[in-house]
Structures are given as C-alpha cells and as structure tokens.
Amino acid sequence: YDLEYGSDSLEVHRDAVNHGSRVVLIDDLLATGGTAKAAGDLIAKLGGEIAGYCFLVELTELGGENKLSPHPVWSVVKYEV
C-alpha cells in the first residue's frame, strides 16, 4: 500500500480470518488512515467483514476516519494537531 512518503506492505496468514468472520481492527494511532485501510482491505480479501476500527489516539485534522468510511471508528483520545 502507498504512504504519503513511500510504500509498505502488510502480510497475514491465509487462515487468520475465517470466511464471514466479523473483525474489529485495533491499532495505536489513526493519522491518515492508510495503514488501517490497507489492513481492512486485506481482511476483506480473506473473506472477513470489517465490523469497525479502534484506535488509542486519533489525529483528527489528518482525516483518516474519512478513509475508513462507512465503517465505524472508535478512538480513546481525539487530538487536534
């Protein structure tokens, strides 16, 4: 997946998600949403359904939540940069 400053990759075992499983992705930080979106796309490719995303900190002004729509996003702390 592409980042603002380059690219990166995510990997997961094929059997990590059962077809039809509902998954909540949990991460420490939501900035632009690129990494979370890539993880969600990977889960969907394996047949999982994204139930939502949960973050410890969200940098609201970077708009990452918009990239994860229409899925719900929960953040413990919302920080305006």
PDB file of N, CA and C in Angstrom:
ATOM      1  N   TYR A   1       0.837  -1.171   0.000  1.00  0.00           N
ATOM      2  CA  TYR A   1       0.000   0.000   0.000  1.00  0.00           C
ATOM      3  C   TYR A   1       0.877   1.226   0.000  1.00  0.00           C
ATOM      4  N   ASP A   2       0.338   2.334  -0.501  1.00  0.00           N
ATOM      5  CA  ASP A   2       1.109   3.564  -0.626  1.00  0.00           C
ATOM      6  C   ASP A   2       0.957   4.434   0.610  1.00  0.00           C
ATOM      7  N   LEU A   3       2.068   5.036   1.000  1.00  0.00           N
ATOM      8  CA  LEU A   3       2.101   6.002   2.091  1.00  0.00           C
ATOM      9  C   LEU A   3       2.364   7.377   1.496  1.00  0.00           C
ATOM     10  N   GLU A   4       2.229   8.390   2.307  1.00  0.00           N
ATOM     11  CA  GLU A   4       2.498   9.747   1.833  1.00  0.00           C
ATOM     12  C   GLU A   4       3.968   9.905   1.456  1.00  0.00           C
ATOM     13  N   TYR A   5       4.834   9.086   2.062  1.00  0.00           N
ATOM     14  CA  TYR A   5       6.275   9.226   1.891  1.00  0.00           C
ATOM     15  C   TYR A   5       6.930   7.977   1.302  1.00  0.00           C
ATOM     16  N   GLY A   6       6.145   7.078   0.708  1.00  0.00           N
ATOM     17  CA  GLY A   6       6.709   5.860   0.137  1.00  0.00           C
ATOM     18  C   GLY A   6       5.665   4.767   0.057  1.00  0.00           C
ATOM     19  N   SER A   7       6.098   3.535   0.295  1.00  0.00           N
ATOM     20  CA  SER A   7       5.161   2.418   0.279  1.00  0.00           C
ATOM     21  C   SER A   7       5.581   1.401   1.331  1.00  0.00           C
ATOM     22  N   ASP A   8       4.671   0.496   1.654  1.00  0.00           N
ATOM     23  CA  ASP A   8       4.921  -0.540   2.648  1.00  0.00           C
ATOM     24  C   ASP A   8       4.061  -1.740   2.296  1.00  0.00           C
ATOM     25  N   SER A   9       4.198  -2.814   3.050  1.00  0.00           N
ATOM     26  CA  SER A   9       3.376  -3.994   2.791  1.00  0.00           C
ATOM     27  C   SER A   9       2.892  -4.593   4.100  1.00  0.00           C
ATOM     28  N   LEU A  10       1.758  -5.264   4.034  1.00  0.00           N
ATOM     29  CA  LEU A  10       1.181  -5.986   5.164  1.00  0.00           C
ATOM     30  C   LEU A  10       1.025  -7.436   4.752  1.00  0.00           C
ATOM     31  N   GLU A  11       1.201  -8.338   5.716  1.00  0.00           N
ATOM     32  CA  GLU A  11       1.024  -9.758   5.448  1.00  0.00           C
ATOM     33  C   GLU A  11       0.209 -10.376   6.566  1.00  0.00           C
ATOM     34  N   VAL A  12      -0.544 -11.423   6.217  1.00  0.00           N
ATOM     35  CA  VAL A  12      -1.315 -12.168   7.206  1.00  0.00           C
ATOM     36  C   VAL A  12      -1.436 -13.606   6.698  1.00  0.00           C
ATOM     37  N   HIS A  13      -1.477 -14.558   7.611  1.00  0.00           N
ATOM     38  CA  HIS A  13      -1.669 -15.954   7.205  1.00  0.00           C
ATOM     39  C   HIS A  13      -3.045 -16.118   6.570  1.00  0.00           C
ATOM     40  N   ARG A  14      -3.133 -16.968   5.564  1.00  0.00           N
ATOM     41  CA  ARG A  14      -4.409 -17.186   4.873  1.00  0.00           C
ATOM     42  C   ARG A  14      -5.497 -17.684   5.813  1.00  0.00           C
ATOM     43  N   ASP A  15      -5.110 -18.426   6.853  1.00  0.00           N
ATOM     44  CA  ASP A  15      -6.099 -18.987   7.774  1.00  0.00           C
ATOM     45  C   ASP A  15      -6.341 -18.112   9.004  1.00  0.00           C
ATOM     46  N   ALA A  16      -5.857 -16.876   8.982  1.00  0.00           N
ATOM     47  CA  ALA A  16      -6.012 -15.990  10.140  1.00  0.00           C
ATOM     48  C   ALA A  16      -7.446 -15.498  10.312  1.00  0.00           C
ATOM     49  N   VAL A  17      -8.211 -15.479   9.236  1.00  0.00           N
ATOM     50  CA  VAL A  17      -9.587 -14.987   9.275  1.00  0.00           C
ATOM     51  C   VAL A  17     -10.488 -16.021   8.618  1.00  0.00           C
ATOM     52  N   ASN A  18     -11.500 -16.453   9.343  1.00  0.00           N
ATOM     53  CA  ASN A  18     -12.479 -17.373   8.764  1.00  0.00           C
ATOM     54  C   ASN A  18     -13.439 -16.598   7.866  1.00  0.00           C
ATOM     55  N   HIS A  19     -13.829 -17.204   6.756  1.00  0.00           N
ATOM     56  CA  HIS A  19     -14.771 -16.559   5.842  1.00  0.00           C
ATOM     57  C   HIS A  19     -16.044 -16.175   6.600  1.00  0.00           C
ATOM     58  N   GLY A  20     -16.458 -14.930   6.472  1.00  0.00           N
ATOM     59  CA  GLY A  20     -17.661 -14.446   7.135  1.00  0.00           C
ATOM     60  C   GLY A  20     -17.442 -13.919   8.542  1.00  0.00           C
ATOM     61  N   SER A  21     -16.222 -14.018   9.066  1.00  0.00           N
ATOM     62  CA  SER A  21     -15.937 -13.502  10.412  1.00  0.00           C
ATOM     63  C   SER A  21     -16.024 -11.982  10.431  1.00  0.00           C
ATOM     64  N   ARG A  22     -16.590 -11.458  11.514  1.00  0.00           N
ATOM     65  CA  ARG A  22     -16.607 -10.006  11.723  1.00  0.00           C
ATOM     66  C   ARG A  22     -15.359  -9.643  12.518  1.00  0.00           C
ATOM     67  N   VAL A  23     -14.632  -8.629  12.045  1.00  0.00           N
ATOM     68  CA  VAL A  23     -13.333  -8.286  12.615  1.00  0.00           C
ATOM     69  C   VAL A  23     -13.318  -6.816  13.014  1.00  0.00           C
ATOM     70  N   VAL A  24     -12.826  -6.537  14.221  1.00  0.00           N
ATOM     71  CA  VAL A  24     -12.533  -5.171  14.644  1.00  0.00           C
ATOM     72  C   VAL A  24     -11.017  -5.029  14.604  1.00  0.00           C
ATOM     73  N   LEU A  25     -10.528  -4.103  13.810  1.00  0.00           N
ATOM     74  CA  LEU A  25      -9.092  -3.853  13.729  1.00  0.00           C
ATOM     75  C   LEU A  25      -8.700  -2.842  14.799  1.00  0.00           C
ATOM     76  N   ILE A  26      -7.664  -3.145  15.561  1.00  0.00           N
ATOM     77  CA  ILE A  26      -7.214  -2.296  16.662  1.00  0.00           C
ATOM     78  C   ILE A  26      -5.782  -1.863  16.390  1.00  0.00           C
ATOM     79  N   ASP A  27      -5.531  -0.560  16.533  1.00  0.00           N
ATOM     80  CA  ASP A  27      -4.191  -0.013  16.304  1.00  0.00           C
ATOM     81  C   ASP A  27      -3.964   1.119  17.297  1.00  0.00           C
ATOM     82  N   ASP A  28      -2.714   1.531  17.444  1.00  0.00           N
ATOM     83  CA  ASP A  28      -2.414   2.583  18.405  1.00  0.00           C
ATOM     84  C   ASP A  28      -2.749   3.978  17.891  1.00  0.00           C
ATOM     85  N   LEU A  29      -2.573   4.225  16.591  1.00  0.00           N
ATOM     86  CA  LEU A  29      -2.694   5.589  16.073  1.00  0.00           C
ATOM     87  C   LEU A  29      -3.428   5.620  14.737  1.00  0.00           C
ATOM     88  N   LEU A  30      -4.369   6.547  14.614  1.00  0.00           N
ATOM     89  CA  LEU A  30      -5.011   6.837  13.331  1.00  0.00           C
ATOM     90  C   LEU A  30      -4.561   8.219  12.899  1.00  0.00           C
ATOM     91  N   ALA A  31      -3.815   8.266  11.801  1.00  0.00           N
ATOM     92  CA  ALA A  31      -3.381   9.542  11.239  1.00  0.00           C
ATOM     93  C   ALA A  31      -4.121   9.738   9.913  1.00  0.00           C
ATOM     94  N   THR A  32      -3.529   9.328   8.813  1.00  0.00           N
ATOM     95  CA  THR A  32      -4.182   9.493   7.509  1.00  0.00           C
ATOM     96  C   THR A  32      -5.104   8.333   7.162  1.00  0.00           C
ATOM     97  N   GLY A  33      -4.970   7.216   7.868  1.00  0.00           N
ATOM     98  CA  GLY A  33      -5.839   6.067   7.636  1.00  0.00           C
ATOM     99  C   GLY A  33      -5.315   5.062   6.631  1.00  0.00           C
ATOM    100  N   GLY A  34      -4.155   5.320   6.042  1.00  0.00           N
ATOM    101  CA  GLY A  34      -3.626   4.440   5.006  1.00  0.00           C
ATOM    102  C   GLY A  34      -3.341   3.023   5.479  1.00  0.00           C
ATOM    103  N   THR A  35      -2.695   2.891   6.627  1.00  0.00           N
ATOM    104  CA  THR A  35      -2.358   1.563   7.142  1.00  0.00           C
ATOM    105  C   THR A  35      -3.611   0.808   7.548  1.00  0.00           C
ATOM    106  N   ALA A  36      -4.523   1.474   8.238  1.00  0.00           N
ATOM    107  CA  ALA A  36      -5.768   0.823   8.666  1.00  0.00           C
ATOM    108  C   ALA A  36      -6.597   0.398   7.459  1.00  0.00           C
ATOM    109  N   LYS A  37      -6.667   1.236   6.440  1.00  0.00           N
ATOM    110  CA  LYS A  37      -7.415   0.898   5.223  1.00  0.00           C
ATOM    111  C   LYS A  37      -6.799  -0.313   4.536  1.00  0.00           C
ATOM    112  N   ALA A  38      -5.468  -0.358   4.457  1.00  0.00           N
ATOM    113  CA  ALA A  38      -4.791  -1.497   3.837  1.00  0.00           C
ATOM    114  C   ALA A  38      -5.059  -2.778   4.626  1.00  0.00           C
ATOM    115  N   ALA A  39      -5.044  -2.694   5.950  1.00  0.00           N
ATOM    116  CA  ALA A  39      -5.336  -3.865   6.785  1.00  0.00           C
ATOM    117  C   ALA A  39      -6.780  -4.314   6.582  1.00  0.00           C
ATOM    118  N   GLY A  40      -7.701  -3.371   6.521  1.00  0.00           N
ATOM    119  CA  GLY A  40      -9.107  -3.699   6.285  1.00  0.00           C
ATOM    120  C   GLY A  40      -9.325  -4.344   4.930  1.00  0.00           C
ATOM    121  N   ASP A  41      -8.644  -3.833   3.912  1.00  0.00           N
ATOM    122  CA  ASP A  41      -8.746  -4.417   2.568  1.00  0.00           C
ATOM    123  C   ASP A  41      -8.224  -5.851   2.562  1.00  0.00           C
ATOM    124  N   LEU A  42      -7.156  -6.094   3.312  1.00  0.00           N
ATOM    125  CA  LEU A  42      -6.588  -7.440   3.395  1.00  0.00           C
ATOM    126  C   LEU A  42      -7.551  -8.404   4.092  1.00  0.00           C
ATOM    127  N   ILE A  43      -8.175  -7.954   5.175  1.00  0.00           N
ATOM    128  CA  ILE A  43      -9.165  -8.776   5.883  1.00  0.00           C
ATOM    129  C   ILE A  43     -10.330  -9.106   4.946  1.00  0.00           C
ATOM    130  N   ALA A  44     -10.807  -8.102   4.211  1.00  0.00           N
ATOM    131  CA  ALA A  44     -11.917  -8.321   3.276  1.00  0.00           C
ATOM    132  C   ALA A  44     -11.519  -9.304   2.173  1.00  0.00           C
ATOM    133  N   LYS A  45     -10.290  -9.215   1.698  1.00  0.00           N
ATOM    134  CA  LYS A  45      -9.807 -10.126   0.657  1.00  0.00           C
ATOM    135  C   LYS A  45      -9.808 -11.574   1.148  1.00  0.00           C
ATOM    136  N   LEU A  46      -9.613 -11.764   2.455  1.00  0.00           N
ATOM    137  CA  LEU A  46      -9.626 -13.102   3.051  1.00  0.00           C
ATOM    138  C   LEU A  46     -11.036 -13.585   3.369  1.00  0.00           C
ATOM    139  N   GLY A  47     -12.039 -12.733   3.105  1.00  0.00           N
ATOM    140  CA  GLY A  47     -13.424 -13.129   3.341  1.00  0.00           C
ATOM    141  C   GLY A  47     -13.997 -12.642   4.649  1.00  0.00           C
ATOM    142  N   GLY A  48     -13.240 -11.827   5.381  1.00  0.00           N
ATOM    143  CA  GLY A  48     -13.740 -11.264   6.634  1.00  0.00           C
ATOM    144  C   GLY A  48     -14.556 -10.011   6.390  1.00  0.00           C
ATOM    145  N   GLU A  49     -15.335  -9.646   7.380  1.00  0.00           N
ATOM    146  CA  GLU A  49     -16.154  -8.429   7.316  1.00  0.00           C
ATOM    147  C   GLU A  49     -15.645  -7.463   8.376  1.00  0.00           C
ATOM    148  N   ILE A  50     -15.349  -6.232   7.993  1.00  0.00           N
ATOM    149  CA  ILE A  50     -14.864  -5.236   8.940  1.00  0.00           C
ATOM    150  C   ILE A  50     -16.040  -4.726   9.765  1.00  0.00           C
ATOM    151  N   ALA A  51     -15.995  -4.986  11.073  1.00  0.00           N
ATOM    152  CA  ALA A  51     -17.035  -4.505  11.982  1.00  0.00           C
ATOM    153  C   ALA A  51     -16.723  -3.093  12.456  1.00  0.00           C
ATOM    154  N   GLY A  52     -15.460  -2.689  12.390  1.00  0.00           N
ATOM    155  CA  GLY A  52     -15.061  -1.357  12.794  1.00  0.00           C
ATOM    156  C   GLY A  52     -13.573  -1.291  13.069  1.00  0.00           C
ATOM    157  N   TYR A  53     -13.135  -0.085  13.394  1.00  0.00           N
ATOM    158  CA  TYR A  53     -11.735   0.183  13.697  1.00  0.00           C
ATOM    159  C   TYR A  53     -11.666   0.856  15.059  1.00  0.00           C
ATOM    160  N   CYS A  54     -10.661   0.508  15.850  1.00  0.00           N
ATOM    161  CA  CYS A  54     -10.490   1.093  17.176  1.00  0.00           C
ATOM    162  C   CYS A  54      -9.040   1.561  17.328  1.00  0.00           C
ATOM    163  N   PHE A  55      -8.873   2.787  17.818  1.00  0.00           N
ATOM    164  CA  PHE A  55      -7.542   3.377  17.971  1.00  0.00           C
ATOM    165  C   PHE A  55      -7.393   3.973  19.362  1.00  0.00           C
ATOM    166  N   LEU A  56      -6.170   3.982  19.854  1.00  0.00           N
ATOM    167  CA  LEU A  56      -5.890   4.660  21.108  1.00  0.00           C
ATOM    168  C   LEU A  56      -5.924   6.173  20.886  1.00  0.00           C
ATOM    169  N   VAL A  57      -5.243   6.645  19.837  1.00  0.00           N
ATOM    170  CA  VAL A  57      -5.160   8.082  19.539  1.00  0.00           C
ATOM    171  C   VAL A  57      -5.540   8.320  18.084  1.00  0.00           C
ATOM    172  N   GLU A  58      -6.339   9.358  17.862  1.00  0.00           N
ATOM    173  CA  GLU A  58      -6.695   9.781  16.506  1.00  0.00           C
ATOM    174  C   GLU A  58      -6.260  11.223  16.305  1.00  0.00           C
ATOM    175  N   LEU A  59      -5.505  11.478  15.246  1.00  0.00           N
ATOM    176  CA  LEU A  59      -5.132  12.839  14.863  1.00  0.00           C
ATOM    177  C   LEU A  59      -6.208  13.330  13.899  1.00  0.00           C
ATOM    178  N   THR A  60      -7.212  14.008  14.442  1.00  0.00           N
ATOM    179  CA  THR A  60      -8.442  14.294  13.696  1.00  0.00           C
ATOM    180  C   THR A  60      -8.233  15.148  12.450  1.00  0.00           C
ATOM    181  N   GLU A  61      -7.323  16.085  12.492  1.00  0.00           N
ATOM    182  CA  GLU A  61      -7.154  17.010  11.368  1.00  0.00           C
ATOM    183  C   GLU A  61      -6.554  16.355  10.124  1.00  0.00           C
ATOM    184  N   LEU A  62      -6.064  15.124  10.250  1.00  0.00           N
ATOM    185  CA  LEU A  62      -5.482  14.440   9.092  1.00  0.00           C
ATOM    186  C   LEU A  62      -6.517  13.651   8.301  1.00  0.00           C
ATOM    187  N   GLY A  63      -7.739  13.547   8.828  1.00  0.00           N
ATOM    188  CA  GLY A  63      -8.852  12.982   8.069  1.00  0.00           C
ATOM    189  C   GLY A  63      -8.844  11.481   7.857  1.00  0.00           C
ATOM    190  N   GLY A  64      -8.130  10.741   8.670  1.00  0.00           N
ATOM    191  CA  GLY A  64      -8.067   9.295   8.496  1.00  0.00           C
ATOM    192  C   GLY A  64      -9.403   8.596   8.622  1.00  0.00           C
ATOM    193  N   GLU A  65     -10.280   9.120   9.464  1.00  0.00           N
ATOM    194  CA  GLU A  65     -11.598   8.496   9.647  1.00  0.00           C
ATOM    195  C   GLU A  65     -12.377   8.460   8.335  1.00  0.00           C
ATOM    196  N   ASN A  66     -12.230   9.490   7.515  1.00  0.00           N
ATOM    197  CA  ASN A  66     -12.933   9.535   6.225  1.00  0.00           C
ATOM    198  C   ASN A  66     -12.512   8.395   5.305  1.00  0.00           C
ATOM    199  N   LYS A  67     -11.243   8.012   5.366  1.00  0.00           N
ATOM    200  CA  LYS A  67     -10.732   6.943   4.505  1.00  0.00           C
ATOM    201  C   LYS A  67     -11.311   5.582   4.902  1.00  0.00           C
ATOM    202  N   LEU A  68     -11.793   5.457   6.147  1.00  0.00           N
ATOM    203  CA  LEU A  68     -12.293   4.179   6.654  1.00  0.00           C
ATOM    204  C   LEU A  68     -13.809   4.056   6.550  1.00  0.00           C
ATOM    205  N   SER A  69     -14.458   5.069   6.039  1.00  0.00           N
ATOM    206  CA  SER A  69     -15.908   5.065   5.866  1.00  0.00           C
ATOM    207  C   SER A  69     -16.311   3.946   4.918  1.00  0.00           C
ATOM    208  N   PRO A  70     -17.398   3.289   5.110  1.00  0.00           N
ATOM    209  CA  PRO A  70     -18.516   3.567   6.009  1.00  0.00           C
ATOM    210  C   PRO A  70     -18.425   2.842   7.351  1.00  0.00           C
ATOM    211  N   HIS A  71     -17.263   2.273   7.668  1.00  0.00           N
ATOM    212  CA  HIS A  71     -17.129   1.504   8.900  1.00  0.00           C
ATOM    213  C   HIS A  71     -17.012   2.424  10.111  1.00  0.00           C
ATOM    214  N   PRO A  72     -17.534   1.995  11.266  1.00  0.00           N
ATOM    215  CA  PRO A  72     -17.401   2.810  12.471  1.00  0.00           C
ATOM    216  C   PRO A  72     -15.946   2.897  12.927  1.00  0.00           C
ATOM    217  N   VAL A  73     -15.596   4.041  13.482  1.00  0.00           N
ATOM    218  CA  VAL A  73     -14.252   4.275  14.024  1.00  0.00           C
ATOM    219  C   VAL A  73     -14.405   4.755  15.459  1.00  0.00           C
ATOM    220  N   TRP A  74     -13.716   4.071  16.377  1.00  0.00           N
ATOM    221  CA  TRP A  74     -13.712   4.471  17.786  1.00  0.00           C
ATOM    222  C   TRP A  74     -12.294   4.857  18.165  1.00  0.00           C
ATOM    223  N   SER A  75     -12.146   5.971  18.877  1.00  0.00           N
ATOM    224  CA  SER A  75     -10.839   6.430  19.340  1.00  0.00           C
ATOM    225  C   SER A  75     -10.951   6.802  20.808  1.00  0.00           C
ATOM    226  N   VAL A  76      -9.956   6.393  21.601  1.00  0.00           N
ATOM    227  CA  VAL A  76      -9.946   6.728  23.022  1.00  0.00           C
ATOM    228  C   VAL A  76      -9.655   8.214  23.191  1.00  0.00           C
ATOM    229  N   VAL A  77      -8.669   8.725  22.442  1.00  0.00           N
ATOM    230  CA  VAL A  77      -8.283  10.135  22.510  1.00  0.00           C
ATOM    231  C   VAL A  77      -8.325  10.708  21.100  1.00  0.00           C
ATOM    232  N   LYS A  78      -9.019  11.833  20.937  1.00  0.00           N
ATOM    233  CA  LYS A  78      -9.025  12.549  19.656  1.00  0.00           C
ATOM    234  C   LYS A  78      -8.212  13.821  19.857  1.00  0.00           C
ATOM    235  N   TYR A  79      -7.143  13.936  19.082  1.00  0.00           N
ATOM    236  CA  TYR A  79      -6.200  15.034  19.235  1.00  0.00           C
ATOM    237  C   TYR A  79      -6.222  15.896  17.984  1.00  0.00           C
ATOM    238  N   GLU A  80      -6.435  17.200  18.175  1.00  0.00           N
ATOM    239  CA  GLU A  80      -6.395  18.141  17.052  1.00  0.00           C
ATOM    240  C   GLU A  80      -4.987  18.692  16.932  1.00  0.00           C
ATOM    241  N   VAL A  81      -4.374  18.446  15.778  1.00  0.00           N
ATOM    242  CA  VAL A  81      -2.984  18.849  15.538  1.00  0.00           C
ATOM    243  C   VAL A  81      -2.882  20.351  15.459  1.00  0.00           C
TER     244      VAL A  81
END
